[in-house]
Amino acid sequence: MDCDVLAIAYRGYSGNDGKPSEKGLKSDVEALIQYIQSSGLKEKHASAGVFLIGRSLGGAVAGHALHKLADKPYFFDGVVFENTFTSISSMVDHIFYFVSFFKWLILDIDWDTLSVVSEASVPMLFVSGDEDEIVPH
């Protein structure tokens, strides 16, 4: 297919050291952006494009990448979101509906993917299925 794939496994996943956190995962994707910028991958693939794909939590991380690149809206030529949640708050409503009324007291992470996506101007593809164990379609 004449393409290159750069896949990352976040801290705390796939046997990597560390503990996953919103701050840490955002830092991981910012390091990915820096790598793409410094390695010349964007220029190398200018004719084919550079695409970002995020699944489930990875979609929220991809959304953060778009947010960090708001001043460079076409750094990525497209983004694919697969079964990504709109926000952690909405996930609490879905999974832990019994704490929805006081979630503001206990929820200390954000991941508001919907607001980031609504501000982005890059082409996006949203893929959803009903077999995900956690994220509703």
N, C-alpha and C. Protein backbone atom coordinates (compact mmCIF):
# COMPACT_ATOMS: atom_id res chain seq x y z
N MET A 1 0.82 -1.21 0.00
CA MET A 1 0.00 0.00 0.00
C MET A 1 0.85 1.25 0.00
N ASP A 2 2.15 1.08 0.12
CA ASP A 2 3.07 2.21 0.09
C ASP A 2 2.69 3.29 1.11
N CYS A 3 2.62 2.89 2.36
CA CYS A 3 2.31 3.84 3.42
C CYS A 3 3.13 3.49 4.66
N ASP A 4 3.30 4.46 5.50
CA ASP A 4 3.96 4.26 6.77
C ASP A 4 2.92 4.38 7.87
N VAL A 5 3.08 3.59 8.92
CA VAL A 5 2.18 3.64 10.06
C VAL A 5 3.02 3.88 11.31
N LEU A 6 2.63 4.87 12.06
CA LEU A 6 3.27 5.16 13.33
C LEU A 6 2.21 4.94 14.40
N ALA A 7 2.39 3.91 15.19
CA ALA A 7 1.42 3.58 16.24
C ALA A 7 2.06 3.82 17.60
N ILE A 8 1.30 4.42 18.48
CA ILE A 8 1.83 4.65 19.82
C ILE A 8 0.97 3.92 20.84
N ALA A 9 1.61 3.50 21.89
CA ALA A 9 0.91 2.91 23.04
C ALA A 9 1.20 3.83 24.20
N TYR A 10 0.15 4.33 24.81
CA TYR A 10 0.28 5.32 25.87
C TYR A 10 0.88 4.72 27.14
N ARG A 11 1.33 5.60 28.01
CA ARG A 11 1.84 5.17 29.30
C ARG A 11 0.77 4.36 30.03
N GLY A 12 1.21 3.26 30.62
CA GLY A 12 0.30 2.40 31.36
C GLY A 12 -0.46 1.40 30.50
N TYR A 13 -0.28 1.46 29.19
CA TYR A 13 -0.95 0.53 28.28
C TYR A 13 0.10 -0.29 27.53
N SER A 14 -0.29 -1.46 27.07
CA SER A 14 0.57 -2.32 26.24
C SER A 14 1.91 -2.61 26.88
N GLY A 15 1.93 -2.73 28.19
CA GLY A 15 3.16 -3.04 28.90
C GLY A 15 4.08 -1.86 29.15
N ASN A 16 3.65 -0.66 28.80
CA ASN A 16 4.47 0.53 29.04
C ASN A 16 4.42 0.92 30.51
N ASP A 17 5.53 1.47 30.97
CA ASP A 17 5.59 1.95 32.35
C ASP A 17 4.68 3.16 32.53
N GLY A 18 4.41 3.47 33.76
CA GLY A 18 3.62 4.65 34.07
C GLY A 18 2.18 4.31 34.33
N LYS A 19 1.47 5.31 34.71
CA LYS A 19 0.04 5.17 35.01
C LYS A 19 -0.72 6.15 34.12
N PRO A 20 -1.74 5.67 33.43
CA PRO A 20 -2.48 6.57 32.55
C PRO A 20 -3.21 7.65 33.35
N SER A 21 -3.12 8.86 32.86
CA SER A 21 -3.85 9.99 33.43
C SER A 21 -4.15 10.95 32.28
N GLU A 22 -5.11 11.82 32.48
CA GLU A 22 -5.43 12.78 31.43
C GLU A 22 -4.20 13.62 31.08
N LYS A 23 -3.54 14.12 32.08
CA LYS A 23 -2.35 14.95 31.86
C LYS A 23 -1.26 14.16 31.13
N GLY A 24 -1.02 12.92 31.56
CA GLY A 24 0.02 12.09 30.95
C GLY A 24 -0.28 11.73 29.51
N LEU A 25 -1.53 11.37 29.23
CA LEU A 25 -1.89 10.99 27.86
C LEU A 25 -1.83 12.19 26.92
N LYS A 26 -2.21 13.35 27.44
CA LYS A 26 -2.08 14.57 26.64
C LYS A 26 -0.61 14.86 26.35
N SER A 27 0.23 14.63 27.33
CA SER A 27 1.67 14.81 27.13
C SER A 27 2.20 13.83 26.09
N ASP A 28 1.70 12.60 26.11
CA ASP A 28 2.13 11.59 25.13
C ASP A 28 1.80 12.02 23.71
N VAL A 29 0.61 12.52 23.49
CA VAL A 29 0.24 12.90 22.11
C VAL A 29 0.96 14.18 21.70
N GLU A 30 1.28 15.05 22.65
CA GLU A 30 2.07 16.23 22.33
C GLU A 30 3.48 15.83 21.90
N ALA A 31 4.03 14.78 22.53
CA ALA A 31 5.33 14.25 22.12
C ALA A 31 5.25 13.67 20.71
N LEU A 32 4.14 13.02 20.38
CA LEU A 32 3.94 12.50 19.03
C LEU A 32 3.94 13.63 18.01
N ILE A 33 3.24 14.71 18.32
CA ILE A 33 3.20 15.87 17.41
C ILE A 33 4.61 16.42 17.20
N GLN A 34 5.36 16.55 18.30
CA GLN A 34 6.74 17.06 18.19
C GLN A 34 7.59 16.12 17.33
N TYR A 35 7.40 14.82 17.50
CA TYR A 35 8.16 13.86 16.70
C TYR A 35 7.83 14.01 15.21
N ILE A 36 6.56 14.12 14.89
CA ILE A 36 6.16 14.26 13.49
C ILE A 36 6.75 15.55 12.91
N GLN A 37 6.73 16.62 13.69
CA GLN A 37 7.27 17.90 13.22
C GLN A 37 8.79 17.81 13.01
N SER A 38 9.50 17.20 13.95
CA SER A 38 10.97 17.19 13.88
C SER A 38 11.53 16.12 12.95
N SER A 39 10.76 15.09 12.67
CA SER A 39 11.27 13.98 11.85
C SER A 39 11.09 14.18 10.36
N GLY A 40 10.29 15.15 9.98
CA GLY A 40 10.04 15.38 8.56
C GLY A 40 8.98 14.46 7.97
N LEU A 41 8.25 13.73 8.82
CA LEU A 41 7.21 12.82 8.31
C LEU A 41 6.12 13.57 7.55
N LYS A 42 5.76 14.73 8.01
CA LYS A 42 4.70 15.50 7.35
C LYS A 42 5.12 15.85 5.92
N GLU A 43 6.34 16.29 5.77
CA GLU A 43 6.83 16.64 4.43
C GLU A 43 7.01 15.40 3.56
N LYS A 44 7.48 14.31 4.17
CA LYS A 44 7.69 13.07 3.42
C LYS A 44 6.39 12.55 2.83
N HIS A 45 5.30 12.75 3.54
CA HIS A 45 4.01 12.22 3.11
C HIS A 45 3.06 13.32 2.64
N ALA A 46 3.61 14.41 2.17
CA ALA A 46 2.78 15.55 1.76
C ALA A 46 1.77 15.17 0.69
N SER A 47 2.15 14.33 -0.26
CA SER A 47 1.22 13.99 -1.34
C SER A 47 0.14 13.02 -0.89
N ALA A 48 0.44 12.12 0.03
CA ALA A 48 -0.54 11.13 0.49
C ALA A 48 -1.29 11.62 1.71
N GLY A 49 -0.66 12.42 2.53
CA GLY A 49 -1.29 12.96 3.72
C GLY A 49 -0.91 12.20 4.98
N VAL A 50 -1.12 12.88 6.10
CA VAL A 50 -0.88 12.30 7.41
C VAL A 50 -2.22 12.30 8.14
N PHE A 51 -2.64 11.12 8.58
CA PHE A 51 -3.94 10.96 9.21
C PHE A 51 -3.77 10.47 10.64
N LEU A 52 -4.66 10.90 11.49
CA LEU A 52 -4.65 10.53 12.89
C LEU A 52 -5.87 9.65 13.14
N ILE A 53 -5.65 8.54 13.83
CA ILE A 53 -6.75 7.62 14.13
C ILE A 53 -6.76 7.38 15.63
N GLY A 54 -7.93 7.53 16.25
CA GLY A 54 -8.06 7.28 17.67
C GLY A 54 -9.29 6.45 17.95
N ARG A 55 -9.10 5.42 18.77
CA ARG A 55 -10.21 4.53 19.12
C ARG A 55 -10.52 4.66 20.60
N SER A 56 -11.78 4.82 20.95
CA SER A 56 -12.24 4.91 22.33
C SER A 56 -11.51 6.05 23.03
N LEU A 57 -10.76 5.76 24.08
CA LEU A 57 -9.98 6.81 24.76
C LEU A 57 -9.01 7.47 23.80
N GLY A 58 -8.48 6.71 22.86
CA GLY A 58 -7.56 7.27 21.87
C GLY A 58 -8.20 8.37 21.03
N GLY A 59 -9.51 8.32 20.87
CA GLY A 59 -10.20 9.39 20.15
C GLY A 59 -10.17 10.70 20.93
N ALA A 60 -10.30 10.59 22.25
CA ALA A 60 -10.20 11.79 23.09
C ALA A 60 -8.79 12.36 23.02
N VAL A 61 -7.80 11.48 22.98
CA VAL A 61 -6.41 11.91 22.86
C VAL A 61 -6.19 12.56 21.49
N ALA A 62 -6.77 11.99 20.45
CA ALA A 62 -6.69 12.58 19.11
C ALA A 62 -7.35 13.96 19.11
N GLY A 63 -8.46 14.09 19.83
CA GLY A 63 -9.11 15.39 19.95
C GLY A 63 -8.19 16.41 20.60
N HIS A 64 -7.44 15.97 21.60
CA HIS A 64 -6.49 16.89 22.23
C HIS A 64 -5.42 17.32 21.23
N ALA A 65 -4.98 16.40 20.39
CA ALA A 65 -4.00 16.75 19.35
C ALA A 65 -4.55 17.85 18.46
N LEU A 66 -5.81 17.74 18.07
CA LEU A 66 -6.44 18.79 17.26
C LEU A 66 -6.46 20.11 18.00
N HIS A 67 -6.78 20.05 19.28
CA HIS A 67 -6.82 21.26 20.11
C HIS A 67 -5.44 21.93 20.16
N LYS A 68 -4.39 21.14 20.37
CA LYS A 68 -3.03 21.68 20.44
C LYS A 68 -2.59 22.27 19.11
N LEU A 69 -3.17 21.78 18.02
CA LEU A 69 -2.79 22.25 16.69
C LEU A 69 -3.81 23.22 16.11
N ALA A 70 -4.57 23.89 16.97
CA ALA A 70 -5.61 24.81 16.50
C ALA A 70 -5.04 25.89 15.59
N ASP A 71 -3.79 26.27 15.83
CA ASP A 71 -3.15 27.28 14.97
C ASP A 71 -2.61 26.68 13.67
N LYS A 72 -2.65 25.34 13.56
CA LYS A 72 -2.22 24.63 12.35
C LYS A 72 -3.32 23.64 11.97
N PRO A 73 -4.46 24.15 11.51
CA PRO A 73 -5.63 23.27 11.33
C PRO A 73 -5.44 22.13 10.35
N TYR A 74 -4.48 22.23 9.44
CA TYR A 74 -4.29 21.14 8.48
C TYR A 74 -2.97 20.42 8.68
N PHE A 75 -2.50 20.37 9.92
CA PHE A 75 -1.31 19.57 10.23
C PHE A 75 -1.61 18.11 9.90
N PHE A 76 -2.78 17.65 10.33
CA PHE A 76 -3.26 16.32 9.93
C PHE A 76 -4.22 16.52 8.78
N ASP A 77 -4.16 15.63 7.82
CA ASP A 77 -5.02 15.74 6.64
C ASP A 77 -6.40 15.16 6.89
N GLY A 78 -6.56 14.47 8.00
CA GLY A 78 -7.85 13.92 8.38
C GLY A 78 -7.71 13.19 9.70
N VAL A 79 -8.84 13.02 10.37
CA VAL A 79 -8.86 12.31 11.64
C VAL A 79 -10.00 11.31 11.62
N VAL A 80 -9.73 10.10 12.11
CA VAL A 80 -10.74 9.07 12.24
C VAL A 80 -10.97 8.85 13.73
N PHE A 81 -12.22 8.96 14.14
CA PHE A 81 -12.62 8.69 15.53
C PHE A 81 -13.44 7.41 15.52
N GLU A 82 -12.94 6.40 16.22
CA GLU A 82 -13.66 5.13 16.29
C GLU A 82 -14.18 4.92 17.71
N ASN A 83 -15.48 4.85 17.84
CA ASN A 83 -16.14 4.63 19.13
C ASN A 83 -15.56 5.51 20.24
N THR A 84 -15.49 6.78 19.96
CA THR A 84 -14.96 7.73 20.93
C THR A 84 -16.11 8.37 21.69
N PHE A 85 -15.92 8.57 22.96
CA PHE A 85 -16.95 9.21 23.78
C PHE A 85 -16.92 10.72 23.57
N THR A 86 -18.06 11.37 23.81
CA THR A 86 -18.14 12.81 23.65
C THR A 86 -17.48 13.55 24.81
N SER A 87 -17.58 13.00 26.01
CA SER A 87 -16.93 13.58 27.19
C SER A 87 -16.96 12.55 28.32
N ILE A 88 -16.09 12.73 29.27
CA ILE A 88 -16.10 11.85 30.45
C ILE A 88 -17.40 12.07 31.22
N SER A 89 -17.86 13.29 31.26
CA SER A 89 -19.12 13.58 31.96
C SER A 89 -20.28 12.77 31.38
N SER A 90 -20.34 12.70 30.06
CA SER A 90 -21.42 11.91 29.44
C SER A 90 -21.24 10.41 29.68
N MET A 91 -19.98 9.98 29.78
CA MET A 91 -19.73 8.58 30.10
C MET A 91 -20.18 8.25 31.51
N VAL A 92 -19.97 9.17 32.44
CA VAL A 92 -20.46 8.97 33.81
C VAL A 92 -21.97 8.84 33.79
N ASP A 93 -22.64 9.69 33.01
CA ASP A 93 -24.11 9.61 32.90
C ASP A 93 -24.55 8.25 32.38
N HIS A 94 -23.77 7.69 31.46
CA HIS A 94 -24.14 6.41 30.85
C HIS A 94 -23.82 5.22 31.75
N ILE A 95 -22.61 5.21 32.31
CA ILE A 95 -22.16 4.05 33.08
C ILE A 95 -22.54 4.12 34.55
N PHE A 96 -22.36 5.29 35.14
CA PHE A 96 -22.62 5.47 36.57
C PHE A 96 -23.77 6.45 36.76
N TYR A 97 -24.89 6.17 36.12
CA TYR A 97 -26.04 7.08 36.14
C TYR A 97 -26.47 7.45 37.56
N PHE A 98 -26.20 6.59 38.53
CA PHE A 98 -26.62 6.84 39.90
C PHE A 98 -25.81 7.95 40.58
N VAL A 99 -24.67 8.36 39.97
CA VAL A 99 -23.90 9.48 40.53
C VAL A 99 -24.01 10.74 39.68
N SER A 100 -24.84 10.70 38.66
CA SER A 100 -24.95 11.84 37.73
C SER A 100 -25.27 13.16 38.41
N PHE A 101 -26.06 13.12 39.45
CA PHE A 101 -26.49 14.36 40.09
C PHE A 101 -25.40 15.04 40.91
N PHE A 102 -24.41 14.28 41.34
CA PHE A 102 -23.33 14.90 42.10
C PHE A 102 -21.94 14.62 41.50
N LYS A 103 -21.91 14.32 40.22
CA LYS A 103 -20.63 14.02 39.57
C LYS A 103 -19.68 15.21 39.60
N TRP A 104 -20.22 16.41 39.62
CA TRP A 104 -19.38 17.60 39.65
C TRP A 104 -18.53 17.65 40.93
N LEU A 105 -18.93 16.91 41.95
CA LEU A 105 -18.16 16.86 43.19
C LEU A 105 -16.97 15.89 43.10
N ILE A 106 -17.09 14.88 42.26
CA ILE A 106 -16.07 13.83 42.23
C ILE A 106 -15.29 13.74 40.92
N LEU A 107 -15.81 14.35 39.88
CA LEU A 107 -15.17 14.23 38.56
C LEU A 107 -14.04 15.23 38.44
N ASP A 108 -12.81 14.72 38.32
CA ASP A 108 -11.66 15.63 38.22
C ASP A 108 -10.94 15.53 36.88
N ILE A 109 -11.54 14.85 35.91
CA ILE A 109 -10.98 14.81 34.55
C ILE A 109 -12.04 15.32 33.58
N ASP A 110 -11.58 15.73 32.41
CA ASP A 110 -12.47 16.41 31.49
C ASP A 110 -12.70 15.60 30.21
N TRP A 111 -11.72 15.58 29.35
CA TRP A 111 -11.82 14.92 28.05
C TRP A 111 -13.12 15.29 27.34
N ASP A 112 -13.32 16.58 27.12
CA ASP A 112 -14.50 17.05 26.41
C ASP A 112 -14.24 17.02 24.91
N THR A 113 -14.32 15.85 24.34
CA THR A 113 -14.01 15.63 22.93
C THR A 113 -14.98 16.38 22.01
N LEU A 114 -16.22 16.44 22.38
CA LEU A 114 -17.23 17.09 21.54
C LEU A 114 -16.90 18.56 21.28
N SER A 115 -16.49 19.29 22.30
CA SER A 115 -16.19 20.71 22.09
C SER A 115 -14.96 20.89 21.21
N VAL A 116 -13.97 20.02 21.37
CA VAL A 116 -12.76 20.11 20.54
C VAL A 116 -13.09 19.81 19.09
N VAL A 117 -13.86 18.77 18.86
CA VAL A 117 -14.21 18.37 17.50
C VAL A 117 -15.07 19.43 16.82
N SER A 118 -15.95 20.05 17.57
CA SER A 118 -16.84 21.05 16.97
C SER A 118 -16.07 22.30 16.53
N GLU A 119 -14.89 22.53 17.09
CA GLU A 119 -14.08 23.69 16.72
C GLU A 119 -13.07 23.38 15.62
N ALA A 120 -12.82 22.11 15.35
CA ALA A 120 -11.78 21.73 14.39
C ALA A 120 -12.28 21.86 12.96
N SER A 121 -11.35 22.12 12.05
CA SER A 121 -11.73 22.29 10.64
C SER A 121 -11.14 21.21 9.74
N VAL A 122 -10.48 20.23 10.31
CA VAL A 122 -9.89 19.15 9.53
C VAL A 122 -10.98 18.13 9.17
N PRO A 123 -10.88 17.48 8.02
CA PRO A 123 -11.86 16.44 7.68
C PRO A 123 -11.85 15.32 8.72
N MET A 124 -13.04 14.86 9.11
CA MET A 124 -13.17 13.84 10.15
C MET A 124 -14.11 12.74 9.70
N LEU A 125 -13.80 11.53 10.14
CA LEU A 125 -14.67 10.37 9.92
C LEU A 125 -14.98 9.79 11.29
N PHE A 126 -16.26 9.60 11.56
CA PHE A 126 -16.69 9.03 12.83
C PHE A 126 -17.22 7.62 12.57
N VAL A 127 -16.62 6.65 13.24
CA VAL A 127 -17.01 5.25 13.09
C VAL A 127 -17.53 4.79 14.43
N SER A 128 -18.70 4.16 14.42
CA SER A 128 -19.30 3.72 15.67
C SER A 128 -19.92 2.35 15.48
N GLY A 129 -19.86 1.56 16.54
CA GLY A 129 -20.47 0.24 16.50
C GLY A 129 -21.10 -0.07 17.84
N ASP A 130 -21.93 -1.09 17.86
CA ASP A 130 -22.65 -1.40 19.10
C ASP A 130 -22.02 -2.54 19.89
N GLU A 131 -20.79 -2.93 19.55
CA GLU A 131 -20.12 -4.03 20.24
C GLU A 131 -19.11 -3.56 21.29
N ASP A 132 -18.90 -2.26 21.43
CA ASP A 132 -17.96 -1.75 22.41
C ASP A 132 -18.51 -2.04 23.81
N GLU A 133 -17.64 -2.54 24.68
CA GLU A 133 -18.09 -2.92 26.03
C GLU A 133 -18.36 -1.72 26.92
N ILE A 134 -17.77 -0.57 26.60
CA ILE A 134 -17.87 0.60 27.49
C ILE A 134 -18.55 1.78 26.82
N VAL A 135 -18.06 2.18 25.67
CA VAL A 135 -18.55 3.40 25.01
C VAL A 135 -19.82 3.09 24.22
N PRO A 136 -20.91 3.79 24.52
CA PRO A 136 -22.16 3.54 23.77
C PRO A 136 -22.05 4.08 22.35
N HIS A 137 -22.76 3.42 21.43
CA HIS A 137 -22.74 3.93 20.06
C HIS A 137 -23.73 5.07 19.95
